Amino acid sequence: MRINQKFLKILNILIFISTISLFIYVETGDIQHLAVKNRFTEIDSRVPGGIKFSINEGLDSYGMFDVGYDTLDPKYTSFSLELNLYDKVEKINVDFLEKNKTETINYINSYKKLSGLYPRILPYLIYKFTSLFSDKFIFVQILYTVLSTISFLFLFFKIQKKYSFLTSSIFYLLFVTNPFLITYISSFIAPLFVSLIPLACLSSYKVRNKVIKSKSSIIIFFILLFPSLISNTQGPIIFLSFITGLKLFEDNFSLIKNKVLVIKSFLISMFLILFGELLWILQRIFLLKEDTSFVFGELVGSVGKYNIFNQVLTSDYKLESCSNISNYEFVNLFLNLKINDFLFFEVYLKHYLLLLSALFVLNKIKAEHDIKLDFQFIFFNLATYFVWFFIIKGAFACHIHVYPRYLLLAFIPSIFIYIKKNHIILYTNL
């Protein structure tokens, strides 16, 4: 399918403007739908309160961790449109930021197992910029939404240039129909524009070429650093996003031929998980002056929620954990991760597996297809997801609503890696 270059340019401009406008409207409009109102966590709703505390008491107050007001009123829940918990918590904190208004029914809350970089420090710095022209928190939200949408569209255009308009359109469709993309785009605790850094960086020929030729640990470290600090539960998924970026944009990139680069990037990714854990430990010990044994007890208790460690905890750290689910229940949850919602029907991970398996068989039957997927990498990708989610089975099962968004970082992009018989086929269709 060939598209006139002038028409394609106009079409891309329309896609760019309409997509940004859509997500700004979703973020700022009064849409009565739980998909818009709900957040991954109350931490997202407490961000304006954290900005206010940073202004009043300094950025290092509360150990630089996220901080803000929560409500004690039990009538607010995440299942209600009219009495939505996240809406209420956000309103409390926005009133605190913009009007210095507080209510006695609220209480100050802080989460001390993340460094505070994204829900506390970055929003404060962005507010310092937006407050030059307005004290309204809405401009911080709009800036996050615009940055995240542009990051997604940047990948859309890069895939279009590398492959085809049709391929990029399918990529676009699979992203925007992910039921958690709206929440992801508006998230402070896990900004989408930060999560997509590996894919965005490796879409650049200069960066990609430098990484492959030099295998520089410093370059890999800085590409993986900021997305790795979002959450320790992302684990090797940032590594997968890094490798997917290389395979997606680099002709004939091989995991075997580049095994040194692959292993090195994996080890750096694992180191960054430990580095992220170390940050909040050091903040609590040196900024909050908490007892070292207590902090490490918190670490043991936190890790104990995860699968493989839950069996070896001492009697001091007995936990009620979702990791107690059976292996069968875990597999069922994994296969039933909802990836797309097309309103009239929903697509789950098991449907992707069935489709990929059918395509794999067809390619084996007729090996002379001009284009075929890189099944080895796709199944390596999925196997890594499976193993990681199993290792953190407790967090996965307790917060099943969060994990489908992770598939946007590597799995969805990976299915657009096409191989011709002896080389990657290049489509521009311009």
Protein backbone atom coordinates (compact mmCIF):
# COMPACT_ATOMS: atom_id res chain seq x y z
CA MET A 1 0.00 0.00 0.00
CA ARG A 2 1.58 3.25 -1.14
CA ILE A 3 0.43 6.62 0.15
CA ASN A 4 1.09 9.96 -1.50
CA GLN A 5 3.79 11.80 0.45
CA LYS A 6 1.87 15.08 0.70
CA PHE A 7 -1.30 13.32 1.82
CA LEU A 8 0.67 11.28 4.38
CA LYS A 9 2.19 14.44 5.83
CA ILE A 10 -1.25 16.02 6.26
CA LEU A 11 -2.59 12.79 7.74
CA ASN A 12 0.27 12.62 10.24
CA ILE A 13 -0.31 16.22 11.31
CA LEU A 14 -3.98 15.44 11.89
CA ILE A 15 -3.10 12.31 13.89
CA PHE A 16 -0.62 14.30 15.98
CA ILE A 17 -3.02 17.15 16.79
CA SER A 18 -6.09 14.96 17.34
CA THR A 19 -4.26 12.48 19.60
CA ILE A 20 -2.83 15.18 21.85
CA SER A 21 -6.19 16.98 21.93
CA LEU A 22 -7.99 13.75 22.81
CA PHE A 23 -5.77 12.94 25.78
CA ILE A 24 -5.79 16.53 27.05
CA TYR A 25 -9.59 16.44 26.92
CA VAL A 26 -9.64 13.07 28.72
CA GLU A 27 -7.35 14.47 31.44
CA THR A 28 -9.08 17.82 31.89
CA GLY A 29 -12.70 17.15 30.91
CA ASP A 30 -15.46 15.99 33.23
CA ILE A 31 -15.80 12.48 31.81
CA GLN A 32 -17.93 10.20 33.95
CA HIS A 33 -16.05 6.95 33.53
CA LEU A 34 -13.96 5.00 36.03
CA ALA A 35 -11.21 4.44 33.45
CA VAL A 36 -10.64 8.20 33.50
CA LYS A 37 -11.24 8.85 37.21
CA ASN A 38 -9.24 5.99 38.69
CA ARG A 39 -5.46 5.93 39.17
CA PHE A 40 -2.96 3.15 39.75
CA THR A 41 -2.56 4.41 43.30
CA GLU A 42 -3.55 7.25 45.63
CA ILE A 43 0.06 8.43 45.37
CA ASP A 44 -0.84 9.89 41.96
CA SER A 45 -3.67 11.87 43.56
CA ARG A 46 -1.46 13.18 46.38
CA VAL A 47 1.05 14.87 44.05
CA PRO A 48 -0.32 18.44 44.41
CA GLY A 49 -0.10 18.05 48.20
CA GLY A 50 3.52 16.98 47.85
CA ILE A 51 4.22 20.10 45.79
CA LYS A 52 2.72 22.26 48.55
CA PHE A 53 4.78 20.57 51.28
CA SER A 54 7.88 21.07 49.13
CA ILE A 55 7.09 24.78 48.85
CA ASN A 56 6.28 25.23 52.55
CA GLU A 57 8.73 22.88 54.24
CA GLY A 58 11.42 22.24 51.62
CA LEU A 59 12.00 19.52 49.08
CA ASP A 60 13.82 17.40 51.65
CA SER A 61 10.84 17.37 54.03
CA TYR A 62 9.38 13.93 54.74
CA GLY A 63 12.68 12.45 53.54
CA MET A 64 11.96 13.56 49.94
CA PHE A 65 9.34 10.82 49.77
CA ASP A 66 5.90 11.39 48.30
CA VAL A 67 3.60 13.12 50.76
CA GLY A 68 0.07 14.47 50.70
CA TYR A 69 -3.38 14.25 52.24
CA ASP A 70 -5.67 11.22 52.19
CA THR A 71 -9.26 11.07 53.35
CA LEU A 72 -10.56 9.10 56.34
CA ASP A 73 -14.12 9.21 55.00
CA PRO A 74 -15.04 5.57 54.15
CA LYS A 75 -17.80 6.54 51.72
CA TYR A 76 -15.22 7.24 49.00
CA THR A 77 -14.15 4.20 46.95
CA SER A 78 -12.48 3.40 43.65
CA PHE A 79 -15.70 1.71 42.49
CA SER A 80 -17.88 4.81 42.56
CA LEU A 81 -18.23 7.59 39.99
CA GLU A 82 -19.93 10.10 42.28
CA LEU A 83 -17.88 9.26 45.38
CA ASN A 84 -14.62 8.36 43.66
CA LEU A 85 -11.69 7.97 46.04
CA TYR A 86 -9.02 9.25 43.63
CA ASP A 87 -11.11 12.26 42.65
CA LYS A 88 -11.65 13.15 46.30
CA VAL A 89 -7.99 12.74 47.29
CA GLU A 90 -6.89 14.84 44.32
CA LYS A 91 -9.40 17.58 45.17
CA ILE A 92 -8.18 17.65 48.79
CA ASN A 93 -4.59 18.08 47.66
CA VAL A 94 -5.35 20.57 44.90
CA ASP A 95 -7.27 22.71 47.43
CA PHE A 96 -4.27 22.46 49.74
CA LEU A 97 -1.91 23.54 46.96
CA GLU A 98 -3.99 26.32 45.41
CA LYS A 99 -6.01 27.61 48.39
CA ASN A 100 -3.99 26.40 51.37
CA LYS A 101 -7.21 24.72 52.50
CA THR A 102 -7.26 21.61 54.73
CA GLU A 103 -10.03 19.57 56.37
CA THR A 104 -9.92 17.84 59.75
CA ILE A 105 -11.23 14.58 58.25
CA ASN A 106 -8.04 14.26 56.20
CA TYR A 107 -4.64 13.01 57.29
CA ILE A 108 -1.08 13.32 55.98
CA ASN A 109 0.19 10.16 54.32
CA SER A 110 3.56 9.23 52.84
CA TYR A 111 4.84 6.14 51.05
CA LYS A 112 8.46 5.36 51.92
CA LYS A 113 9.31 2.47 49.60
CA LEU A 114 9.90 4.55 46.49
CA SER A 115 12.52 7.28 46.28
CA GLY A 116 10.00 10.05 45.61
CA LEU A 117 11.76 11.04 42.38
CA TYR A 118 8.65 10.88 40.21
CA PRO A 119 5.69 11.52 42.57
CA ARG A 120 7.45 14.26 44.57
CA ILE A 121 10.64 15.77 43.12
CA LEU A 122 9.87 15.93 39.38
CA PRO A 123 6.31 17.34 39.81
CA TYR A 124 7.68 20.01 42.13
CA LEU A 125 10.32 21.05 39.58
CA ILE A 126 7.72 21.14 36.80
CA TYR A 127 5.36 23.18 38.99
CA LYS A 128 8.14 25.69 39.56
CA PHE A 129 8.14 26.17 35.78
CA THR A 130 4.36 26.26 35.23
CA SER A 131 3.84 28.56 38.24
CA LEU A 132 5.66 31.27 36.27
CA PHE A 133 2.35 31.82 34.46
CA SER A 134 -0.22 30.05 36.68
CA ASP A 135 -0.53 28.57 40.17
CA LYS A 136 -3.08 26.02 38.91
CA PHE A 137 -2.10 22.36 39.20
CA ILE A 138 -3.93 21.57 35.97
CA PHE A 139 -0.96 22.86 33.95
CA VAL A 140 1.32 20.26 35.54
CA GLN A 141 -1.20 17.58 34.53
CA ILE A 142 -1.42 18.94 31.00
CA LEU A 143 2.36 19.01 30.63
CA TYR A 144 2.64 15.37 31.76
CA THR A 145 -0.13 14.38 29.35
CA VAL A 146 1.46 16.22 26.43
CA LEU A 147 4.94 14.80 27.12
CA SER A 148 3.58 11.25 27.37
CA THR A 149 1.44 11.57 24.24
CA ILE A 150 4.32 13.04 22.23
CA SER A 151 6.58 10.19 23.38
CA PHE A 152 4.03 7.65 22.16
CA LEU A 153 3.55 9.50 18.85
CA PHE A 154 7.32 9.76 18.41
CA LEU A 155 7.47 5.96 18.38
CA PHE A 156 4.48 5.85 16.04
CA PHE A 157 6.29 8.02 13.48
CA LYS A 158 9.57 6.13 13.90
CA ILE A 159 7.84 2.80 13.24
CA GLN A 160 6.06 4.33 10.26
CA LYS A 161 9.39 5.47 8.79
CA LYS A 162 11.05 2.11 9.42
CA TYR A 163 8.21 -0.11 8.26
CA SER A 164 4.99 1.31 6.81
CA PHE A 165 1.95 3.46 7.52
CA LEU A 166 -0.14 0.32 7.94
CA THR A 167 2.27 -1.14 10.49
CA SER A 168 2.41 2.10 12.48
CA SER A 169 -1.39 2.35 12.37
CA ILE A 170 -1.76 -1.10 13.91
CA PHE A 171 0.83 -0.13 16.54
CA TYR A 172 -1.20 3.03 17.26
CA LEU A 173 -4.44 1.05 17.53
CA LEU A 174 -2.99 -1.55 19.89
CA PHE A 175 -1.65 1.19 22.16
CA VAL A 176 -4.74 3.38 22.33
CA THR A 177 -7.03 0.40 22.95
CA ASN A 178 -5.00 -0.72 25.96
CA PRO A 179 -7.43 -0.11 28.83
CA PHE A 180 -4.67 1.29 31.03
CA LEU A 181 -3.11 3.74 28.58
CA ILE A 182 -5.29 6.61 29.86
CA THR A 183 -4.14 5.94 33.42
CA TYR A 184 -0.54 5.52 32.25
CA ILE A 185 -0.49 8.79 30.32
CA SER A 186 -1.74 10.75 33.33
CA SER A 187 0.40 8.93 35.90
CA PHE A 188 2.89 10.80 38.07
CA ILE A 189 4.26 7.78 39.89
CA ALA A 190 5.05 6.06 36.55
CA PRO A 191 5.28 8.67 33.77
CA LEU A 192 4.86 7.12 30.33
CA PHE A 193 7.39 9.51 28.79
CA VAL A 194 10.00 8.15 31.23
CA SER A 195 9.06 4.51 30.65
CA LEU A 196 9.52 4.87 26.89
CA ILE A 197 13.07 6.27 27.13
CA PRO A 198 14.82 3.02 26.01
CA LEU A 199 12.60 2.64 22.92
CA ALA A 200 12.85 6.34 22.07
CA CYS A 201 16.64 6.50 22.49
CA LEU A 202 17.29 3.37 20.44
CA SER A 203 15.12 4.61 17.58
CA SER A 204 18.02 7.00 16.90
CA TYR A 205 20.61 5.51 14.53
CA LYS A 206 23.49 7.38 16.21
CA VAL A 207 22.59 6.17 19.71
CA ARG A 208 21.85 2.63 18.51
CA ASN A 209 25.05 2.40 16.51
CA LYS A 210 27.09 3.70 19.44
CA VAL A 211 25.52 1.17 21.81
CA ILE A 212 26.05 -1.80 19.49
CA LYS A 213 29.63 -0.93 18.51
CA SER A 214 30.99 0.29 21.83
CA LYS A 215 28.81 -1.77 24.19
CA SER A 216 29.45 1.11 26.57
CA SER A 217 28.23 0.37 30.09
CA ILE A 218 27.93 4.11 30.75
CA ILE A 219 25.58 4.68 27.79
CA ILE A 220 23.48 1.62 28.69
CA PHE A 221 23.36 2.75 32.32
CA PHE A 222 21.97 6.19 31.47
CA ILE A 223 19.44 4.83 28.96
CA LEU A 224 18.08 2.43 31.61
CA LEU A 225 18.54 4.60 34.70
CA PHE A 226 15.46 6.82 34.78
CA PRO A 227 12.82 4.25 33.76
CA SER A 228 14.34 1.72 36.17
CA LEU A 229 13.79 4.12 39.08
CA ILE A 230 10.02 4.14 38.57
CA SER A 231 9.39 0.89 40.43
CA ASN A 232 11.26 -2.24 41.44
CA THR A 233 8.34 -4.36 40.20
CA GLN A 234 9.29 -3.47 36.62
CA GLY A 235 12.36 -5.65 37.01
CA PRO A 236 13.74 -6.94 33.67
CA ILE A 237 10.89 -5.33 31.70
CA ILE A 238 13.02 -2.21 31.20
CA PHE A 239 15.78 -4.51 29.93
CA LEU A 240 13.25 -6.09 27.55
CA SER A 241 12.26 -2.64 26.31
CA PHE A 242 15.94 -1.89 25.67
CA ILE A 243 16.48 -5.08 23.64
CA THR A 244 13.17 -4.58 21.82
CA GLY A 245 14.34 -1.11 20.77
CA LEU A 246 17.52 -2.60 19.30
CA LYS A 247 15.68 -5.35 17.42
CA LEU A 248 12.85 -3.10 16.30
CA PHE A 249 15.04 -0.49 14.63
CA GLU A 250 18.35 -2.25 13.86
CA ASP A 251 18.57 -4.47 10.78
CA ASN A 252 19.68 -8.02 11.58
CA PHE A 253 20.25 -7.45 15.28
CA SER A 254 20.87 -10.88 16.80
CA LEU A 255 20.66 -11.81 20.47
CA ILE A 256 23.29 -14.52 19.95
CA LYS A 257 25.77 -12.45 17.95
CA ASN A 258 25.38 -9.57 20.42
CA LYS A 259 25.29 -11.75 23.55
CA VAL A 260 27.90 -9.62 25.35
CA LEU A 261 25.71 -6.51 24.89
CA VAL A 262 22.58 -8.41 25.91
CA ILE A 263 24.16 -9.87 29.06
CA LYS A 264 25.74 -6.55 30.00
CA SER A 265 22.45 -4.65 29.63
CA PHE A 266 20.64 -7.30 31.69
CA LEU A 267 23.19 -7.06 34.51
CA ILE A 268 23.01 -3.26 34.49
CA SER A 269 19.21 -3.47 34.62
CA MET A 270 19.39 -5.79 37.63
CA PHE A 271 21.91 -3.50 39.32
CA LEU A 272 19.51 -0.59 38.86
CA ILE A 273 16.75 -2.52 40.65
CA LEU A 274 19.06 -2.81 43.66
CA PHE A 275 20.08 0.83 43.27
CA GLY A 276 16.42 1.89 43.41
CA GLU A 277 15.91 -0.14 46.58
CA LEU A 278 19.05 1.35 48.09
CA LEU A 279 17.82 4.90 47.48
CA TRP A 280 14.74 4.66 49.69
CA ILE A 281 16.71 2.79 52.36
CA LEU A 282 19.33 5.56 52.50
CA GLN A 283 16.64 8.26 52.51
CA ARG A 284 14.96 6.71 55.53
CA ILE A 285 18.21 6.20 57.43
CA PHE A 286 19.89 9.55 56.70
CA LEU A 287 16.97 11.94 56.08
CA LEU A 288 14.28 10.50 58.34
CA LYS A 289 16.79 9.22 60.94
CA GLU A 290 14.99 5.89 61.24
CA ASP A 291 16.61 2.93 62.96
CA THR A 292 18.63 0.81 60.51
CA SER A 293 17.27 -2.51 61.77
CA PHE A 294 13.70 -1.21 61.42
CA VAL A 295 14.30 -0.07 57.84
CA PHE A 296 15.82 -3.39 56.84
CA GLY A 297 12.93 -5.12 58.57
CA GLU A 298 10.63 -3.13 56.29
CA LEU A 299 12.68 -4.28 53.31
CA VAL A 300 12.38 -7.94 54.36
CA GLY A 301 8.65 -7.49 54.89
CA SER A 302 8.28 -5.85 51.49
CA VAL A 303 10.26 -8.52 49.67
CA GLY A 304 8.29 -11.11 51.60
CA LYS A 305 5.19 -10.18 49.65
CA TYR A 306 6.91 -11.66 46.63
CA ASN A 307 6.70 -15.28 45.69
CA ILE A 308 10.04 -17.01 46.10
CA PHE A 309 10.96 -15.25 49.36
CA ASN A 310 7.65 -15.77 51.12
CA GLN A 311 8.58 -19.32 52.11
CA VAL A 312 11.82 -18.39 53.90
CA LEU A 313 10.66 -15.54 56.13
CA THR A 314 11.29 -15.83 59.84
CA SER A 315 8.39 -15.86 62.28
CA ASP A 316 8.94 -12.12 62.87
CA TYR A 317 7.75 -11.31 59.34
CA LYS A 318 4.74 -13.54 58.73
CA LEU A 319 2.67 -11.94 56.00
CA GLU A 320 -0.74 -12.21 54.46
CA SER A 321 0.24 -12.15 50.82
CA CYS A 322 -1.37 -12.64 47.43
CA SER A 323 1.64 -14.81 46.62
CA ASN A 324 -0.24 -17.66 48.25
CA ILE A 325 -2.14 -18.24 45.02
CA SER A 326 -1.49 -21.56 43.31
CA ASN A 327 0.60 -21.90 40.17
CA TYR A 328 -2.56 -22.73 38.23
CA GLU A 329 -4.21 -19.52 39.45
CA PHE A 330 -1.13 -17.52 38.47
CA VAL A 331 -1.06 -18.98 34.94
CA ASN A 332 -4.76 -18.23 34.59
CA LEU A 333 -4.24 -14.62 35.69
CA PHE A 334 -1.28 -14.24 33.33
CA LEU A 335 -3.14 -15.60 30.31
CA ASN A 336 -6.14 -13.41 31.08
CA LEU A 337 -4.31 -10.09 31.22
CA LYS A 338 -6.52 -7.78 29.18
CA ILE A 339 -4.39 -6.09 26.52
CA ASN A 340 -7.01 -4.39 24.36
CA ASP A 341 -10.55 -3.18 24.73
CA PHE A 342 -12.35 -2.50 21.46
CA LEU A 343 -15.65 -1.66 23.24
CA PHE A 344 -17.55 -4.43 21.44
CA PHE A 345 -14.97 -7.08 22.35
CA GLU A 346 -11.87 -7.48 24.49
CA VAL A 347 -8.53 -9.06 23.64
CA TYR A 348 -6.52 -10.92 26.27
CA LEU A 349 -2.95 -12.17 26.28
CA LYS A 350 -4.18 -15.71 25.60
CA HIS A 351 -5.66 -14.47 22.31
CA TYR A 352 -2.29 -13.04 21.30
CA LEU A 353 -0.67 -16.38 22.12
CA LEU A 354 -3.21 -18.25 20.00
CA LEU A 355 -2.71 -15.87 17.07
CA LEU A 356 1.07 -15.97 17.32
CA SER A 357 1.02 -19.77 17.55
CA ALA A 358 -1.18 -19.99 14.45
CA LEU A 359 1.11 -17.63 12.52
CA PHE A 360 4.13 -19.64 13.66
CA VAL A 361 2.60 -22.86 12.31
CA LEU A 362 1.68 -21.17 9.01
CA ASN A 363 5.23 -19.91 8.62
CA LYS A 364 6.55 -23.42 9.22
CA ILE A 365 4.18 -24.83 6.61
CA LYS A 366 5.03 -22.14 4.07
CA ALA A 367 8.54 -21.00 4.86
CA GLU A 368 8.85 -18.81 1.76
CA HIS A 369 6.68 -15.97 3.07
CA ASP A 370 8.19 -12.59 2.19
CA ILE A 371 7.57 -11.30 5.70
CA LYS A 372 7.42 -13.16 8.98
CA LEU A 373 7.55 -12.22 12.62
CA ASP A 374 10.63 -12.81 14.73
CA PHE A 375 8.95 -15.54 16.78
CA GLN A 376 12.10 -16.44 18.70
CA PHE A 377 12.36 -12.95 20.16
CA ILE A 378 8.60 -12.57 20.76
CA PHE A 379 8.47 -15.77 22.78
CA PHE A 380 11.70 -14.86 24.59
CA ASN A 381 9.98 -11.58 25.44
CA LEU A 382 6.84 -13.30 26.73
CA ALA A 383 8.81 -15.93 28.63
CA THR A 384 10.70 -13.17 30.48
CA TYR A 385 7.41 -11.49 31.38
CA PHE A 386 6.07 -14.81 32.62
CA VAL A 387 9.11 -15.61 34.78
CA TRP A 388 9.28 -12.12 36.28
CA PHE A 389 5.58 -11.95 37.09
CA PHE A 390 5.88 -15.40 38.68
CA ILE A 391 8.83 -14.29 40.82
CA ILE A 392 6.82 -11.29 42.07
CA LYS A 393 3.61 -13.30 42.15
CA GLY A 394 2.46 -11.56 45.33
CA ALA A 395 2.63 -8.06 43.86
CA PHE A 396 1.26 -9.30 40.55
CA ALA A 397 -1.79 -11.00 42.03
CA CYS A 398 -2.54 -8.19 44.50
CA HIS A 399 -2.36 -5.48 41.84
CA ILE A 400 -3.40 -7.26 38.65
CA HIS A 401 -4.83 -3.97 37.33
CA VAL A 402 -1.33 -2.48 37.00
CA TYR A 403 0.51 -5.10 35.00
CA PRO A 404 -1.11 -5.01 31.54
CA ARG A 405 0.49 -1.58 31.03
CA TYR A 406 3.93 -3.19 31.26
CA LEU A 407 3.19 -5.05 28.03
CA LEU A 408 3.22 -1.68 26.25
CA LEU A 409 6.93 -1.28 26.98
CA ALA A 410 8.21 -4.31 25.07
CA PHE A 411 5.63 -6.91 24.03
CA ILE A 412 3.44 -4.74 21.77
CA PRO A 413 6.46 -3.11 20.04
CA SER A 414 8.10 -6.53 19.62
CA ILE A 415 5.34 -7.86 17.36
CA PHE A 416 6.29 -5.26 14.74
CA ILE A 417 9.72 -6.77 14.18
CA TYR A 418 9.55 -8.27 10.71
CA ILE A 419 12.12 -10.50 9.06
CA LYS A 420 12.57 -11.22 5.36
CA LYS A 421 14.35 -14.38 4.35
CA ASN A 422 17.86 -13.05 4.82
CA HIS A 423 17.37 -9.52 6.07
CA ILE A 424 15.01 -7.07 7.69
CA ILE A 425 12.66 -5.65 5.09
CA LEU A 426 12.50 -1.86 4.98
CA TYR A 427 9.22 -0.12 4.21
CA THR A 428 8.82 3.61 3.90
CA ASN A 429 5.85 3.80 1.53
CA LEU A 430 6.48 7.49 0.97
